[in-house]
Amino acid sequence: RLLNDIESILPGSTRNFNPSQRIDFGRFKRDFHNHSSFNEKVSALISWTVIRTFLKGSIQAFQNPDGILPIDDFLEVEKLGKNRCRVPAELREHVYDEFLQYQKFLQDQQLWDDC
């Protein structure tokens, strides 16, 4: 209740973060990844980790106006470093495509995640 009260008085705050609309790993796997065309190429855990760690949760993503790491930065292995992001280069485009579908899923279903 307190959180809702605070959000309601913040300027420009029109988004409602209803806890029942939150996506955690279990829900991501069950409601999205298992129905994704990418689920045979990359595990749900890898996709979830990459989304939270690099695509939405990295400083590079934060520095972009839309808060998302651009695809070129993700595909270029040297941008994130070979030891920092260990997703093989040949799978990165698949992971990014799944991420884009996930973002659309969030928007279409009016869901949210922690990033």
N, C-alpha and C. Protein backbone atom coordinates (compact mmCIF):
# COMPACT_ATOMS: atom_id res chain seq x y z
N ARG A 1 0.82 -1.19 0.00
CA ARG A 1 0.00 0.00 0.00
C ARG A 1 0.87 1.25 0.00
N LEU A 2 1.88 1.30 0.82
CA LEU A 2 2.76 2.47 0.88
C LEU A 2 3.41 2.72 -0.47
N LEU A 3 3.89 1.65 -1.11
CA LEU A 3 4.53 1.79 -2.42
C LEU A 3 3.56 2.38 -3.43
N ASN A 4 2.34 1.91 -3.46
CA ASN A 4 1.34 2.46 -4.38
C ASN A 4 1.06 3.92 -4.09
N ASP A 5 1.00 4.30 -2.81
CA ASP A 5 0.79 5.70 -2.44
C ASP A 5 1.93 6.58 -2.92
N ILE A 6 3.15 6.11 -2.74
CA ILE A 6 4.32 6.88 -3.17
C ILE A 6 4.33 7.01 -4.69
N GLU A 7 4.08 5.90 -5.40
CA GLU A 7 4.07 5.94 -6.86
C GLU A 7 3.00 6.88 -7.39
N SER A 8 1.88 6.97 -6.71
CA SER A 8 0.78 7.80 -7.19
C SER A 8 1.09 9.29 -7.10
N ILE A 9 1.98 9.69 -6.20
CA ILE A 9 2.29 11.12 -6.07
C ILE A 9 3.54 11.54 -6.84
N LEU A 10 4.30 10.57 -7.37
CA LEU A 10 5.48 10.91 -8.14
C LEU A 10 5.08 11.52 -9.47
N PRO A 11 5.75 12.61 -9.89
CA PRO A 11 5.41 13.21 -11.18
C PRO A 11 5.74 12.25 -12.33
N GLY A 12 4.84 12.18 -13.29
CA GLY A 12 5.06 11.34 -14.46
C GLY A 12 4.92 9.85 -14.19
N SER A 13 4.48 9.49 -13.02
CA SER A 13 4.36 8.08 -12.67
C SER A 13 2.96 7.59 -13.00
N THR A 14 2.84 6.94 -14.16
CA THR A 14 1.54 6.43 -14.56
C THR A 14 1.55 4.91 -14.63
N ARG A 15 2.68 4.31 -14.42
CA ARG A 15 2.80 2.86 -14.52
C ARG A 15 2.47 2.21 -13.19
N ASN A 16 1.64 1.21 -13.23
CA ASN A 16 1.26 0.49 -12.02
C ASN A 16 2.06 -0.81 -11.96
N PHE A 17 2.83 -0.99 -10.93
CA PHE A 17 3.65 -2.19 -10.76
C PHE A 17 2.94 -3.17 -9.84
N ASN A 18 1.86 -3.71 -10.32
CA ASN A 18 1.09 -4.69 -9.57
C ASN A 18 1.93 -5.95 -9.39
N PRO A 19 2.10 -6.42 -8.17
CA PRO A 19 2.92 -7.62 -7.94
C PRO A 19 2.46 -8.84 -8.74
N SER A 20 1.18 -8.94 -9.03
CA SER A 20 0.70 -10.10 -9.80
C SER A 20 1.13 -10.03 -11.27
N GLN A 21 1.61 -8.88 -11.70
CA GLN A 21 2.05 -8.70 -13.09
C GLN A 21 3.58 -8.83 -13.22
N ARG A 22 4.24 -9.15 -12.13
CA ARG A 22 5.70 -9.26 -12.13
C ARG A 22 6.15 -10.60 -12.73
N ILE A 23 7.19 -10.52 -13.55
CA ILE A 23 7.78 -11.71 -14.14
C ILE A 23 9.06 -12.04 -13.36
N ASP A 24 9.11 -13.23 -12.80
CA ASP A 24 10.34 -13.74 -12.20
C ASP A 24 10.83 -14.88 -13.11
N PHE A 25 11.91 -15.55 -12.73
CA PHE A 25 12.46 -16.58 -13.59
C PHE A 25 11.47 -17.71 -13.86
N GLY A 26 10.80 -18.17 -12.84
CA GLY A 26 9.84 -19.27 -13.01
C GLY A 26 8.74 -18.93 -14.00
N ARG A 27 8.23 -17.73 -13.88
CA ARG A 27 7.16 -17.30 -14.80
C ARG A 27 7.70 -17.06 -16.20
N PHE A 28 8.91 -16.51 -16.29
CA PHE A 28 9.56 -16.33 -17.60
C PHE A 28 9.67 -17.67 -18.30
N LYS A 29 10.14 -18.67 -17.59
CA LYS A 29 10.33 -19.99 -18.19
C LYS A 29 8.99 -20.62 -18.57
N ARG A 30 8.04 -20.59 -17.67
CA ARG A 30 6.75 -21.24 -17.88
C ARG A 30 5.89 -20.53 -18.93
N ASP A 31 5.77 -19.21 -18.80
CA ASP A 31 4.82 -18.48 -19.63
C ASP A 31 5.40 -17.94 -20.93
N PHE A 32 6.72 -17.80 -20.99
CA PHE A 32 7.31 -17.25 -22.21
C PHE A 32 8.28 -18.21 -22.89
N HIS A 33 9.35 -18.56 -22.21
CA HIS A 33 10.43 -19.31 -22.87
C HIS A 33 9.97 -20.67 -23.38
N ASN A 34 9.17 -21.39 -22.62
CA ASN A 34 8.72 -22.71 -23.07
C ASN A 34 7.86 -22.65 -24.32
N HIS A 35 7.31 -21.48 -24.62
CA HIS A 35 6.48 -21.30 -25.82
C HIS A 35 7.23 -20.58 -26.92
N SER A 36 8.48 -20.25 -26.67
CA SER A 36 9.30 -19.52 -27.63
C SER A 36 9.91 -20.46 -28.65
N SER A 37 10.10 -19.95 -29.85
CA SER A 37 10.74 -20.76 -30.90
C SER A 37 12.24 -20.91 -30.64
N PHE A 38 12.75 -20.20 -29.65
CA PHE A 38 14.19 -20.25 -29.35
C PHE A 38 14.52 -21.24 -28.25
N ASN A 39 13.53 -21.88 -27.66
CA ASN A 39 13.78 -22.68 -26.46
C ASN A 39 14.66 -23.89 -26.70
N GLU A 40 14.82 -24.33 -27.93
CA GLU A 40 15.71 -25.45 -28.20
C GLU A 40 17.14 -25.00 -28.43
N LYS A 41 17.34 -23.73 -28.74
CA LYS A 41 18.68 -23.21 -29.01
C LYS A 41 19.40 -22.75 -27.75
N VAL A 42 18.64 -22.15 -26.84
CA VAL A 42 19.22 -21.55 -25.64
C VAL A 42 18.31 -21.88 -24.45
N SER A 43 18.90 -22.25 -23.34
CA SER A 43 18.10 -22.58 -22.15
C SER A 43 17.45 -21.31 -21.57
N ALA A 44 16.39 -21.52 -20.84
CA ALA A 44 15.69 -20.41 -20.19
C ALA A 44 16.62 -19.67 -19.24
N LEU A 45 17.44 -20.41 -18.51
CA LEU A 45 18.34 -19.77 -17.55
C LEU A 45 19.35 -18.87 -18.24
N ILE A 46 19.90 -19.31 -19.34
CA ILE A 46 20.86 -18.47 -20.07
C ILE A 46 20.17 -17.23 -20.60
N SER A 47 19.01 -17.39 -21.23
CA SER A 47 18.28 -16.22 -21.75
C SER A 47 17.95 -15.23 -20.64
N TRP A 48 17.42 -15.72 -19.54
CA TRP A 48 17.05 -14.87 -18.41
C TRP A 48 18.27 -14.13 -17.86
N THR A 49 19.36 -14.84 -17.70
CA THR A 49 20.58 -14.24 -17.16
C THR A 49 21.12 -13.17 -18.09
N VAL A 50 21.14 -13.45 -19.38
CA VAL A 50 21.65 -12.48 -20.35
C VAL A 50 20.77 -11.23 -20.37
N ILE A 51 19.46 -11.42 -20.35
CA ILE A 51 18.55 -10.28 -20.36
C ILE A 51 18.80 -9.40 -19.14
N ARG A 52 18.86 -10.00 -17.97
CA ARG A 52 19.02 -9.24 -16.73
C ARG A 52 20.42 -8.67 -16.53
N THR A 53 21.42 -9.39 -17.02
CA THR A 53 22.80 -8.99 -16.77
C THR A 53 23.35 -8.04 -17.83
N PHE A 54 22.98 -8.26 -19.07
CA PHE A 54 23.58 -7.48 -20.16
C PHE A 54 22.58 -6.61 -20.92
N LEU A 55 21.51 -7.21 -21.40
CA LEU A 55 20.61 -6.50 -22.31
C LEU A 55 19.80 -5.41 -21.62
N LYS A 56 19.43 -5.63 -20.35
CA LYS A 56 18.69 -4.61 -19.61
C LYS A 56 19.40 -4.17 -18.34
N GLY A 57 20.30 -4.99 -17.82
CA GLY A 57 20.86 -4.71 -16.51
C GLY A 57 22.29 -4.20 -16.48
N SER A 58 22.90 -4.00 -17.64
CA SER A 58 24.30 -3.56 -17.66
C SER A 58 24.40 -2.04 -17.65
N ILE A 59 25.56 -1.55 -17.30
CA ILE A 59 25.80 -0.11 -17.34
C ILE A 59 25.68 0.40 -18.77
N GLN A 60 26.09 -0.43 -19.74
CA GLN A 60 25.99 -0.03 -21.14
C GLN A 60 24.52 0.13 -21.55
N ALA A 61 23.66 -0.74 -21.07
CA ALA A 61 22.22 -0.62 -21.35
C ALA A 61 21.67 0.64 -20.67
N PHE A 62 22.06 0.85 -19.44
CA PHE A 62 21.59 2.00 -18.67
C PHE A 62 21.96 3.32 -19.34
N GLN A 63 23.11 3.34 -20.01
CA GLN A 63 23.58 4.57 -20.65
C GLN A 63 22.84 4.89 -21.95
N ASN A 64 22.07 3.96 -22.47
CA ASN A 64 21.27 4.22 -23.66
C ASN A 64 19.93 4.83 -23.27
N PRO A 65 19.41 5.72 -24.10
CA PRO A 65 18.15 6.39 -23.76
C PRO A 65 16.98 5.42 -23.49
N ASP A 66 16.94 4.29 -24.20
CA ASP A 66 15.84 3.35 -24.01
C ASP A 66 16.14 2.29 -22.96
N GLY A 67 17.34 2.34 -22.38
CA GLY A 67 17.69 1.41 -21.31
C GLY A 67 17.97 -0.01 -21.77
N ILE A 68 18.25 -0.17 -23.05
CA ILE A 68 18.50 -1.49 -23.63
C ILE A 68 19.83 -1.47 -24.37
N LEU A 69 20.60 -2.51 -24.20
CA LEU A 69 21.87 -2.64 -24.91
C LEU A 69 21.58 -2.84 -26.39
N PRO A 70 22.14 -2.00 -27.27
CA PRO A 70 21.92 -2.17 -28.71
C PRO A 70 22.45 -3.52 -29.21
N ILE A 71 21.81 -4.04 -30.22
CA ILE A 71 22.19 -5.36 -30.74
C ILE A 71 23.63 -5.38 -31.20
N ASP A 72 24.09 -4.32 -31.83
CA ASP A 72 25.48 -4.29 -32.31
C ASP A 72 26.47 -4.43 -31.17
N ASP A 73 26.17 -3.81 -30.04
CA ASP A 73 27.06 -3.92 -28.88
C ASP A 73 27.05 -5.33 -28.30
N PHE A 74 25.91 -5.99 -28.36
CA PHE A 74 25.82 -7.36 -27.84
C PHE A 74 26.48 -8.36 -28.78
N LEU A 75 26.33 -8.15 -30.08
CA LEU A 75 26.90 -9.10 -31.05
C LEU A 75 28.42 -8.98 -31.14
N GLU A 76 28.93 -7.80 -30.90
CA GLU A 76 30.39 -7.60 -30.96
C GLU A 76 31.01 -8.10 -29.65
N VAL A 77 31.66 -9.26 -29.73
CA VAL A 77 32.18 -9.94 -28.54
C VAL A 77 33.10 -9.03 -27.73
N GLU A 78 33.91 -8.22 -28.39
CA GLU A 78 34.87 -7.37 -27.68
C GLU A 78 34.21 -6.26 -26.87
N LYS A 79 32.99 -5.86 -27.23
CA LYS A 79 32.32 -4.78 -26.50
C LYS A 79 32.08 -5.14 -25.04
N LEU A 80 31.62 -6.37 -24.80
CA LEU A 80 31.36 -6.80 -23.42
C LEU A 80 32.52 -7.60 -22.84
N GLY A 81 33.41 -8.03 -23.70
CA GLY A 81 34.53 -8.85 -23.25
C GLY A 81 34.21 -10.32 -23.27
N LYS A 82 35.15 -11.12 -23.77
CA LYS A 82 34.94 -12.57 -23.88
C LYS A 82 34.70 -13.22 -22.52
N ASN A 83 35.38 -12.74 -21.50
CA ASN A 83 35.26 -13.36 -20.18
C ASN A 83 34.05 -12.85 -19.40
N ARG A 84 33.52 -11.71 -19.79
CA ARG A 84 32.37 -11.15 -19.08
C ARG A 84 31.06 -11.78 -19.57
N CYS A 85 30.89 -11.88 -20.87
CA CYS A 85 29.69 -12.50 -21.43
C CYS A 85 30.14 -13.73 -22.20
N ARG A 86 29.84 -14.88 -21.66
CA ARG A 86 30.34 -16.12 -22.23
C ARG A 86 29.38 -16.79 -23.20
N VAL A 87 28.35 -16.10 -23.62
CA VAL A 87 27.45 -16.63 -24.63
C VAL A 87 28.22 -16.66 -25.95
N PRO A 88 28.29 -17.82 -26.59
CA PRO A 88 29.04 -17.92 -27.85
C PRO A 88 28.50 -16.95 -28.90
N ALA A 89 29.38 -16.44 -29.70
CA ALA A 89 29.01 -15.46 -30.73
C ALA A 89 27.89 -15.98 -31.63
N GLU A 90 27.92 -17.27 -31.94
CA GLU A 90 26.91 -17.82 -32.86
C GLU A 90 25.51 -17.90 -32.24
N LEU A 91 25.40 -17.76 -30.93
CA LEU A 91 24.09 -17.79 -30.27
C LEU A 91 23.57 -16.41 -29.88
N ARG A 92 24.40 -15.41 -29.96
CA ARG A 92 24.01 -14.10 -29.46
C ARG A 92 22.83 -13.49 -30.23
N GLU A 93 22.80 -13.69 -31.52
CA GLU A 93 21.68 -13.15 -32.29
C GLU A 93 20.37 -13.83 -31.90
N HIS A 94 20.42 -15.14 -31.65
CA HIS A 94 19.23 -15.86 -31.20
C HIS A 94 18.75 -15.33 -29.86
N VAL A 95 19.68 -15.11 -28.94
CA VAL A 95 19.33 -14.59 -27.61
C VAL A 95 18.72 -13.20 -27.74
N TYR A 96 19.30 -12.36 -28.59
CA TYR A 96 18.77 -11.01 -28.75
C TYR A 96 17.38 -11.03 -29.37
N ASP A 97 17.17 -11.91 -30.35
CA ASP A 97 15.84 -12.03 -30.96
C ASP A 97 14.81 -12.48 -29.94
N GLU A 98 15.19 -13.43 -29.08
CA GLU A 98 14.28 -13.86 -28.03
C GLU A 98 13.99 -12.71 -27.07
N PHE A 99 15.00 -11.94 -26.75
CA PHE A 99 14.84 -10.77 -25.89
C PHE A 99 13.81 -9.79 -26.48
N LEU A 100 13.91 -9.53 -27.77
CA LEU A 100 12.96 -8.62 -28.41
C LEU A 100 11.53 -9.16 -28.33
N GLN A 101 11.38 -10.46 -28.52
CA GLN A 101 10.07 -11.08 -28.38
C GLN A 101 9.58 -10.99 -26.93
N TYR A 102 10.49 -11.16 -26.00
CA TYR A 102 10.15 -11.07 -24.58
C TYR A 102 9.67 -9.65 -24.23
N GLN A 103 10.34 -8.65 -24.74
CA GLN A 103 9.94 -7.27 -24.50
C GLN A 103 8.53 -7.02 -25.02
N LYS A 104 8.23 -7.55 -26.20
CA LYS A 104 6.89 -7.42 -26.78
C LYS A 104 5.87 -8.17 -25.92
N PHE A 105 6.25 -9.35 -25.45
CA PHE A 105 5.39 -10.13 -24.57
C PHE A 105 5.05 -9.34 -23.31
N LEU A 106 6.05 -8.71 -22.70
CA LEU A 106 5.82 -7.90 -21.51
C LEU A 106 4.83 -6.79 -21.80
N GLN A 107 5.05 -6.11 -22.89
CA GLN A 107 4.18 -4.99 -23.25
C GLN A 107 2.76 -5.46 -23.57
N ASP A 108 2.64 -6.49 -24.38
CA ASP A 108 1.32 -6.99 -24.78
C ASP A 108 0.51 -7.50 -23.59
N GLN A 109 1.19 -8.15 -22.64
CA GLN A 109 0.51 -8.72 -21.47
C GLN A 109 0.45 -7.77 -20.28
N GLN A 110 1.03 -6.56 -20.46
CA GLN A 110 1.11 -5.55 -19.40
C GLN A 110 1.79 -6.11 -18.16
N LEU A 111 2.93 -6.77 -18.39
CA LEU A 111 3.73 -7.35 -17.33
C LEU A 111 4.99 -6.52 -17.12
N TRP A 112 5.72 -6.81 -16.06
CA TRP A 112 6.96 -6.10 -15.79
C TRP A 112 7.95 -7.06 -15.13
N ASP A 113 9.23 -6.73 -15.27
CA ASP A 113 10.27 -7.47 -14.58
C ASP A 113 11.11 -6.48 -13.78
N ASP A 114 12.13 -6.96 -13.12
CA ASP A 114 12.90 -6.09 -12.22
C ASP A 114 13.90 -5.18 -12.92
N CYS A 115 14.08 -5.35 -14.19
CA CYS A 115 15.07 -4.52 -14.90
C CYS A 115 14.41 -3.36 -15.61
